[in-house]
């Protein structure tokens, strides 16, 4: 994914950062431990090299997509475990009014390999009161599947572009407006998600059978993002508020609102409570129970056939995330931070059981050394 405005270097410095995050779903669901190192090194006065390395350890249980048994509201779960390693390198160059940044990345799991690139520019206008963002990015992925022994790995490609403007409205207020368009093609299904359909194998004999889900092989999406940042010097704080509208060709429409307050306490401590509200409509091919439809699934995914999925993440749902982050600046070279968040997801279609949707606690620890 290409980066937003805040990802670009605003000063020439060198630093080393470390992050440890534990994402733990309740009820024995999925747990993810993420460790990341970010190093940036200035090269002269106009260039900066960045390197990011991330590892994820994933284990736990997740819904398969098969509906709950008759008389039960608990959807079937399957255990999973994986280990992901990823890296990203980027080089930025500051010219008189333009910052250009090029990046390359790679992510590897036992069944998924992703290679990406990005190119972004920031241009200053109006005595640096206006900044224009232009960017493009792409990914070329290989996905392991199980339906064709002759072709275990299939391809997935993506391309995205962004245009955005950040405007200084007054000495205390900054506004941002971004537009993003993305396109994905290839194998877009989740190879582990299933559907269940009752099929007549013999005249008068019906049996519930399990099939792999089948999503369309093309996916276009667009995002409109608006944010405002306002400082309140008398309160020694600032407010960050944003809204995001998402829509795609799967039929999903989503809205996101984020609020964050940054409160400075003394010279070294900053506290940041935050709230994130998200809601989405269902994909047009989402069915909690395929048995309520007349669709006959294919035994192997077919991009030309009907699309169907019972993945709860494509259902109509809403999430809330709230938490608190503390940043302590020990001195000019060392900064330490800790954040605690609570994540709740709920379905809202009245059909999919609430047992499909996770709740999670998120703990993040970090440190940064500058020189």
Protein backbone atom coordinates (compact mmCIF):
# COMPACT_ATOMS: atom_id res chain seq x y z
CA UNK A 1 0.00 0.00 0.00
CA UNK A 2 1.24 3.49 -0.70
CA UNK A 3 1.76 5.79 2.23
CA UNK A 4 -0.09 8.90 3.32
CA UNK A 5 1.35 12.36 3.88
CA UNK A 6 2.52 11.66 7.41
CA UNK A 7 4.80 8.88 6.18
CA UNK A 8 7.10 11.25 4.37
CA UNK A 9 10.14 12.64 6.19
CA UNK A 10 9.63 16.21 7.36
CA UNK A 11 13.11 16.65 8.77
CA UNK A 12 16.58 15.34 8.08
CA UNK A 13 17.35 12.92 10.90
CA UNK A 14 18.48 9.40 11.61
CA UNK A 15 16.71 7.12 14.05
CA UNK A 16 16.00 3.53 15.02
CA UNK A 17 12.55 2.44 16.23
CA UNK A 18 11.24 -0.81 17.68
CA UNK A 19 7.61 -1.87 18.07
CA UNK A 20 6.04 -4.84 19.81
CA UNK A 21 2.30 -5.38 19.43
CA UNK A 22 0.12 -8.12 20.87
CA UNK A 23 -3.33 -8.52 19.29
CA UNK A 24 -5.38 -11.05 21.27
CA UNK A 25 -8.95 -12.00 20.41
CA UNK A 26 -11.07 -13.23 23.29
CA UNK A 27 -12.49 -16.76 23.49
CA UNK A 28 -9.39 -18.46 22.12
CA UNK A 29 -9.68 -16.79 18.75
CA UNK A 30 -6.76 -15.43 16.73
CA UNK A 31 -3.69 -13.98 18.43
CA UNK A 32 -1.00 -12.05 16.58
CA UNK A 33 2.36 -10.92 17.95
CA UNK A 34 4.08 -8.37 15.74
CA UNK A 35 7.61 -7.10 16.08
CA UNK A 36 8.99 -4.37 13.87
CA UNK A 37 12.18 -2.38 13.43
CA UNK A 38 12.30 0.87 11.45
CA UNK A 39 15.64 2.49 10.67
CA UNK A 40 16.11 5.79 8.86
CA UNK A 41 19.46 7.24 7.84
CA UNK A 42 20.08 10.67 6.40
CA UNK A 43 22.34 10.83 3.39
CA UNK A 44 23.64 14.34 3.20
CA UNK A 45 21.08 17.11 3.63
CA UNK A 46 18.61 16.10 0.89
CA UNK A 47 18.26 12.32 0.96
CA UNK A 48 17.00 9.77 3.44
CA UNK A 49 17.05 5.98 3.36
CA UNK A 50 14.49 3.96 5.31
CA UNK A 51 14.34 0.26 6.10
CA UNK A 52 11.46 -1.55 7.84
CA UNK A 53 11.50 -5.18 8.98
CA UNK A 54 8.42 -6.87 10.46
CA UNK A 55 7.65 -10.37 11.75
CA UNK A 56 4.18 -11.67 12.66
CA UNK A 57 3.46 -14.82 14.65
CA UNK A 58 -0.18 -15.83 14.15
CA UNK A 59 -2.08 -18.58 15.96
CA UNK A 60 -5.64 -19.30 17.07
CA UNK A 61 -9.08 -20.17 15.76
CA UNK A 62 -11.15 -18.45 13.10
CA UNK A 63 -14.58 -19.13 11.50
CA UNK A 64 -14.47 -21.41 8.47
CA UNK A 65 -17.54 -19.95 6.77
CA UNK A 66 -19.71 -23.01 7.43
CA UNK A 67 -22.96 -22.06 9.21
CA UNK A 68 -23.63 -23.05 12.83
CA UNK A 69 -25.20 -26.50 13.38
CA UNK A 70 -28.97 -26.65 13.85
CA UNK A 71 -29.92 -25.54 17.33
CA UNK A 72 -26.61 -23.73 17.94
CA UNK A 73 -25.40 -20.16 17.49
CA UNK A 74 -21.70 -21.09 17.54
CA UNK A 75 -20.17 -21.04 14.08
CA UNK A 76 -17.52 -23.74 13.41
CA UNK A 77 -13.92 -22.66 13.96
CA UNK A 78 -10.66 -23.92 12.48
CA UNK A 79 -7.23 -23.59 14.06
CA UNK A 80 -4.53 -21.73 12.17
CA UNK A 81 -0.90 -20.84 12.71
CA UNK A 82 1.51 -18.95 10.52
CA UNK A 83 4.62 -16.82 10.55
CA UNK A 84 5.04 -13.81 8.32
CA UNK A 85 8.27 -11.97 7.51
CA UNK A 86 8.23 -8.68 5.66
CA UNK A 87 10.58 -5.87 4.76
CA UNK A 88 10.32 -2.52 3.04
CA UNK A 89 13.00 -0.14 1.81
CA UNK A 90 12.41 3.40 0.61
CA UNK A 91 14.59 6.25 -0.56
CA UNK A 92 13.42 9.87 -0.50
CA UNK A 93 15.01 12.92 -2.11
CA UNK A 94 14.15 16.52 -1.27
CA UNK A 95 14.39 18.99 -4.11
CA UNK A 96 13.61 22.71 -3.84
CA UNK A 97 9.82 22.22 -3.67
CA UNK A 98 9.32 18.52 -4.29
CA UNK A 99 9.96 15.43 -2.19
CA UNK A 100 10.15 12.18 -4.17
CA UNK A 101 10.07 8.80 -2.42
CA UNK A 102 10.41 5.36 -4.04
CA UNK A 103 9.84 2.15 -2.11
CA UNK A 104 10.06 -1.61 -2.53
CA UNK A 105 8.64 -4.30 -0.25
CA UNK A 106 8.30 -8.04 0.15
CA UNK A 107 6.17 -10.16 2.48
CA UNK A 108 6.37 -13.95 2.87
CA UNK A 109 4.14 -16.50 4.57
CA UNK A 110 4.16 -20.25 4.03
CA UNK A 111 1.33 -19.91 1.52
CA UNK A 112 1.55 -16.30 0.34
CA UNK A 113 4.29 -14.16 -1.22
CA UNK A 114 3.78 -10.47 -1.97
CA UNK A 115 6.16 -8.10 -3.74
CA UNK A 116 5.35 -4.41 -3.98
CA UNK A 117 6.60 -1.02 -5.12
CA UNK A 118 5.54 2.59 -4.60
CA UNK A 119 6.37 6.04 -5.94
CA UNK A 120 5.11 9.17 -4.20
CA UNK A 121 5.69 12.89 -4.53
CA UNK A 122 4.95 15.84 -2.24
CA UNK A 123 4.99 19.30 -3.79
CA UNK A 124 4.79 22.57 -1.84
CA UNK A 125 2.82 25.58 -3.08
CA UNK A 126 1.63 28.89 -1.73
CA UNK A 127 4.71 29.54 0.42
CA UNK A 128 4.50 25.98 1.79
CA UNK A 129 0.94 26.50 3.02
CA UNK A 130 -0.37 23.99 0.45
CA UNK A 131 1.01 20.51 -0.23
CA UNK A 132 0.02 18.28 -3.14
CA UNK A 133 0.41 14.49 -2.82
CA UNK A 134 0.59 12.26 -5.91
CA UNK A 135 1.36 8.57 -5.65
CA UNK A 136 1.13 5.19 -7.31
CA UNK A 137 1.79 1.69 -5.98
CA UNK A 138 1.52 -1.91 -7.08
CA UNK A 139 1.77 -5.48 -5.81
CA UNK A 140 2.42 -8.81 -7.50
CA UNK A 141 1.39 -11.71 -5.26
CA UNK A 142 1.51 -15.50 -5.40
CA UNK A 143 -1.15 -17.44 -3.47
CA UNK A 144 -1.00 -21.15 -2.64
CA UNK A 145 -4.27 -22.97 -3.35
CA UNK A 146 -5.40 -26.56 -2.99
CA UNK A 147 -7.86 -27.15 -5.80
CA UNK A 148 -5.39 -27.72 -8.67
CA UNK A 149 -2.35 -29.94 -7.89
CA UNK A 150 -0.80 -28.92 -11.24
CA UNK A 151 -0.89 -25.22 -10.38
CA UNK A 152 -0.50 -24.84 -6.63
CA UNK A 153 0.33 -21.14 -6.85
CA UNK A 154 -1.85 -18.60 -8.62
CA UNK A 155 -1.32 -14.90 -9.18
CA UNK A 156 -2.87 -11.76 -7.80
CA UNK A 157 -2.00 -8.24 -8.96
CA UNK A 158 -2.96 -4.83 -7.64
CA UNK A 159 -2.45 -1.19 -8.60
CA UNK A 160 -3.45 1.92 -6.69
CA UNK A 161 -3.11 5.66 -7.06
CA UNK A 162 -3.66 8.62 -4.77
CA UNK A 163 -4.06 12.36 -5.12
CA UNK A 164 -4.39 14.60 -2.10
CA UNK A 165 -4.06 18.13 -0.81
CA UNK A 166 -3.08 19.37 2.63
CA UNK A 167 -3.89 23.01 3.34
CA UNK A 168 -2.78 25.20 6.24
CA UNK A 169 -5.99 27.10 7.05
CA UNK A 170 -4.45 29.21 9.80
CA UNK A 171 -1.48 28.90 12.18
CA UNK A 172 -3.45 26.41 14.30
CA UNK A 173 -5.46 24.41 11.75
CA UNK A 174 -4.55 22.02 8.92
CA UNK A 175 -6.99 20.21 6.60
CA UNK A 176 -6.35 17.23 4.30
CA UNK A 177 -8.40 15.76 1.45
CA UNK A 178 -7.28 12.58 -0.36
CA UNK A 179 -8.77 10.44 -3.14
CA UNK A 180 -7.56 6.88 -3.71
CA UNK A 181 -8.42 4.41 -6.47
CA UNK A 182 -7.33 0.75 -6.46
CA UNK A 183 -7.72 -2.23 -8.75
CA UNK A 184 -7.04 -5.91 -8.01
CA UNK A 185 -7.12 -8.80 -10.47
CA UNK A 186 -6.42 -12.51 -10.30
CA UNK A 187 -7.16 -14.89 -7.44
CA UNK A 188 -8.99 -12.75 -4.88
CA UNK A 189 -10.64 -15.47 -2.78
CA UNK A 190 -9.48 -16.59 0.65
CA UNK A 191 -8.29 -20.14 0.05
CA UNK A 192 -9.27 -21.19 3.59
CA UNK A 193 -12.85 -19.90 3.60
CA UNK A 194 -15.62 -22.37 2.83
CA UNK A 195 -19.32 -22.43 1.99
CA UNK A 196 -21.83 -25.19 2.60
CA UNK A 197 -24.61 -26.12 0.20
CA UNK A 198 -27.11 -28.98 0.20
CA UNK A 199 -26.73 -30.85 -3.08
CA UNK A 200 -28.89 -33.63 -4.58
CA UNK A 201 -26.36 -36.39 -5.32
CA UNK A 202 -28.99 -39.00 -6.15
CA UNK A 203 -32.66 -38.50 -6.98
CA UNK A 204 -34.33 -37.60 -3.69
CA UNK A 205 -31.07 -37.84 -1.69
CA UNK A 206 -29.72 -34.48 -0.47
CA UNK A 207 -26.41 -34.05 1.33
CA UNK A 208 -24.69 -30.96 2.80
CA UNK A 209 -21.37 -30.55 1.01
CA UNK A 210 -18.52 -28.11 1.56
CA UNK A 211 -16.98 -26.01 -1.23
CA UNK A 212 -14.31 -23.33 -1.47
CA UNK A 213 -15.61 -19.79 -1.73
CA UNK A 214 -15.56 -18.07 -5.13
CA UNK A 215 -15.03 -14.31 -5.32
CA UNK A 216 -14.87 -12.27 -8.53
CA UNK A 217 -11.45 -12.06 -10.20
CA UNK A 218 -11.65 -8.25 -10.49
CA UNK A 219 -12.06 -5.76 -7.68
CA UNK A 220 -12.08 -1.97 -7.99
CA UNK A 221 -12.37 0.33 -4.99
CA UNK A 222 -12.27 4.01 -4.18
CA UNK A 223 -11.67 5.99 -1.01
CA UNK A 224 -12.36 9.60 -0.09
CA UNK A 225 -10.50 10.70 3.03
CA UNK A 226 -10.83 14.03 4.84
CA UNK A 227 -9.15 15.11 8.06
CA UNK A 228 -8.60 18.21 10.14
CA UNK A 229 -6.02 18.93 12.83
CA UNK A 230 -6.51 21.80 15.27
CA UNK A 231 -4.16 22.96 18.00
CA UNK A 232 -5.35 24.48 21.28
CA UNK A 233 -2.32 26.19 22.83
CA UNK A 234 -4.13 27.22 26.02
CA UNK A 235 -5.00 23.59 26.69
CA UNK A 236 -1.57 22.33 25.60
CA UNK A 237 -3.38 19.92 23.29
CA UNK A 238 -4.62 19.27 19.79
CA UNK A 239 -7.51 17.46 18.10
CA UNK A 240 -7.24 15.15 15.08
CA UNK A 241 -10.50 14.20 13.36
CA UNK A 242 -10.97 12.24 10.12
CA UNK A 243 -13.67 10.68 7.96
CA UNK A 244 -13.22 7.96 5.33
CA UNK A 245 -15.76 6.85 2.72
CA UNK A 246 -15.06 3.56 0.94
CA UNK A 247 -16.87 1.87 -1.92
CA UNK A 248 -16.05 -1.06 -4.20
CA UNK A 249 -17.35 -3.24 -6.99
CA UNK A 250 -18.10 -6.04 -4.50
CA UNK A 251 -20.95 -3.84 -3.32
CA UNK A 252 -19.36 -2.88 0.01
CA UNK A 253 -19.91 0.68 1.22
CA UNK A 254 -18.06 1.62 4.41
CA UNK A 255 -17.72 4.68 6.64
CA UNK A 256 -14.98 5.36 9.18
CA UNK A 257 -14.74 8.16 11.74
CA UNK A 258 -11.64 8.66 13.89
CA UNK A 259 -11.09 11.09 16.75
CA UNK A 260 -7.82 11.57 18.64
CA UNK A 261 -6.87 14.09 21.30
CA UNK A 262 -3.20 14.78 22.03
CA UNK A 263 -2.64 16.20 25.50
CA UNK A 264 0.80 17.39 26.52
CA UNK A 265 1.56 17.02 30.22
CA UNK A 266 4.72 18.83 31.20
CA UNK A 267 7.66 18.85 28.84
CA UNK A 268 8.05 15.11 28.31
CA UNK A 269 4.71 13.28 28.45
CA UNK A 270 1.88 13.21 25.88
CA UNK A 271 -1.38 11.29 26.37
CA UNK A 272 -3.59 10.46 23.39
CA UNK A 273 -7.07 8.96 23.89
CA UNK A 274 -8.63 7.87 20.61
CA UNK A 275 -11.89 6.51 19.22
CA UNK A 276 -12.53 4.81 15.87
CA UNK A 277 -16.00 3.95 14.55
CA UNK A 278 -16.42 1.81 11.43
CA UNK A 279 -19.45 0.38 9.63
CA UNK A 280 -19.93 -1.41 6.35
CA UNK A 281 -22.64 -2.95 4.23
CA UNK A 282 -22.43 -6.52 2.97
CA UNK A 283 -20.85 -7.62 -0.27
CA UNK A 284 -23.48 -8.48 -2.84
CA UNK A 285 -22.28 -12.11 -2.94
CA UNK A 286 -22.18 -12.69 0.83
CA UNK A 287 -24.45 -15.47 2.11
CA UNK A 288 -24.30 -16.67 5.69
CA UNK A 289 -26.07 -19.89 4.69
CA UNK A 290 -25.80 -20.94 1.06
CA UNK A 291 -28.63 -23.39 1.68
CA UNK A 292 -31.06 -20.48 1.47
CA UNK A 293 -30.03 -19.87 -2.16
CA UNK A 294 -30.33 -21.81 -5.40
CA UNK A 295 -26.65 -21.33 -6.24
CA UNK A 296 -24.81 -24.54 -7.15
CA UNK A 297 -21.14 -24.03 -6.17
CA UNK A 298 -18.29 -25.18 -8.38
CA UNK A 299 -15.90 -27.81 -7.10
CA UNK A 300 -13.02 -25.61 -8.25
CA UNK A 301 -13.07 -21.77 -8.22
CA UNK A 302 -14.33 -20.35 -11.50
CA UNK A 303 -14.06 -16.59 -12.13
CA UNK A 304 -16.70 -16.95 -14.84
CA UNK A 305 -19.16 -18.69 -12.51
CA UNK A 306 -21.39 -17.24 -9.78
CA UNK A 307 -19.65 -15.43 -6.93
CA UNK A 308 -20.34 -16.51 -3.35
CA UNK A 309 -18.71 -16.27 0.07
CA UNK A 310 -19.68 -16.92 3.69
CA UNK A 311 -16.71 -14.99 5.10
CA UNK A 312 -18.10 -12.90 7.97
CA UNK A 313 -15.69 -10.08 7.06
CA UNK A 314 -17.85 -9.45 3.96
CA UNK A 315 -21.09 -9.22 5.95
CA UNK A 316 -22.86 -6.10 7.19
CA UNK A 317 -21.04 -5.15 10.40
CA UNK A 318 -19.70 -2.38 12.57
CA UNK A 319 -16.64 -2.05 14.79
CA UNK A 320 -15.53 0.22 17.60
CA UNK A 321 -11.95 0.75 18.69
CA UNK A 322 -10.99 2.89 21.66
CA UNK A 323 -7.79 3.26 23.57
CA UNK A 324 -5.10 5.38 25.13
CA UNK A 325 -1.51 6.01 24.05
CA UNK A 326 1.25 7.53 26.18
CA UNK A 327 4.46 8.92 24.73
CA UNK A 328 7.35 9.82 27.03
CA UNK A 329 10.28 11.79 25.67
CA UNK A 330 13.15 10.90 28.00
CA UNK A 331 15.53 13.30 26.25
CA UNK A 332 16.31 14.62 22.79
CA UNK A 333 17.46 11.18 21.66
CA UNK A 334 15.14 8.68 23.35
CA UNK A 335 11.35 8.35 23.15
CA UNK A 336 9.21 5.54 24.62
CA UNK A 337 5.52 4.84 23.98
CA UNK A 338 2.83 2.43 25.16
CA UNK A 339 -0.75 2.02 23.88
CA UNK A 340 -3.73 -0.07 24.98
CA UNK A 341 -6.76 -0.53 22.72
CA UNK A 342 -10.02 -2.45 22.78
CA UNK A 343 -11.51 -3.71 19.51
CA UNK A 344 -15.13 -4.88 19.17
CA UNK A 345 -16.87 -6.17 16.03
CA UNK A 346 -20.59 -6.82 15.77
CA UNK A 347 -22.76 -8.10 12.93
CA UNK A 348 -25.86 -6.20 11.97
CA UNK A 349 -27.62 -8.31 9.34
CA UNK A 350 -29.71 -10.18 11.90
CA UNK A 351 -28.74 -13.50 10.31
CA UNK A 352 -25.03 -14.12 10.91
CA UNK A 353 -24.51 -15.25 14.55
CA UNK A 354 -22.58 -12.86 16.76
CA UNK A 355 -20.21 -15.74 17.57
CA UNK A 356 -18.60 -15.11 14.16
CA UNK A 357 -17.40 -11.66 15.13
CA UNK A 358 -14.28 -11.14 17.27
CA UNK A 359 -13.40 -8.92 20.21
CA UNK A 360 -9.76 -8.19 20.91
CA UNK A 361 -7.33 -6.44 23.23
CA UNK A 362 -4.32 -4.73 21.66
CA UNK A 363 -1.15 -3.79 23.56
CA UNK A 364 1.65 -1.89 21.82
CA UNK A 365 5.09 -1.00 23.18
CA UNK A 366 7.67 1.06 21.34
CA UNK A 367 10.92 2.97 21.60
CA UNK A 368 12.85 5.28 19.29
CA UNK A 369 16.45 6.42 19.43
CA UNK A 370 17.57 9.39 17.31
CA UNK A 371 20.97 10.76 16.44
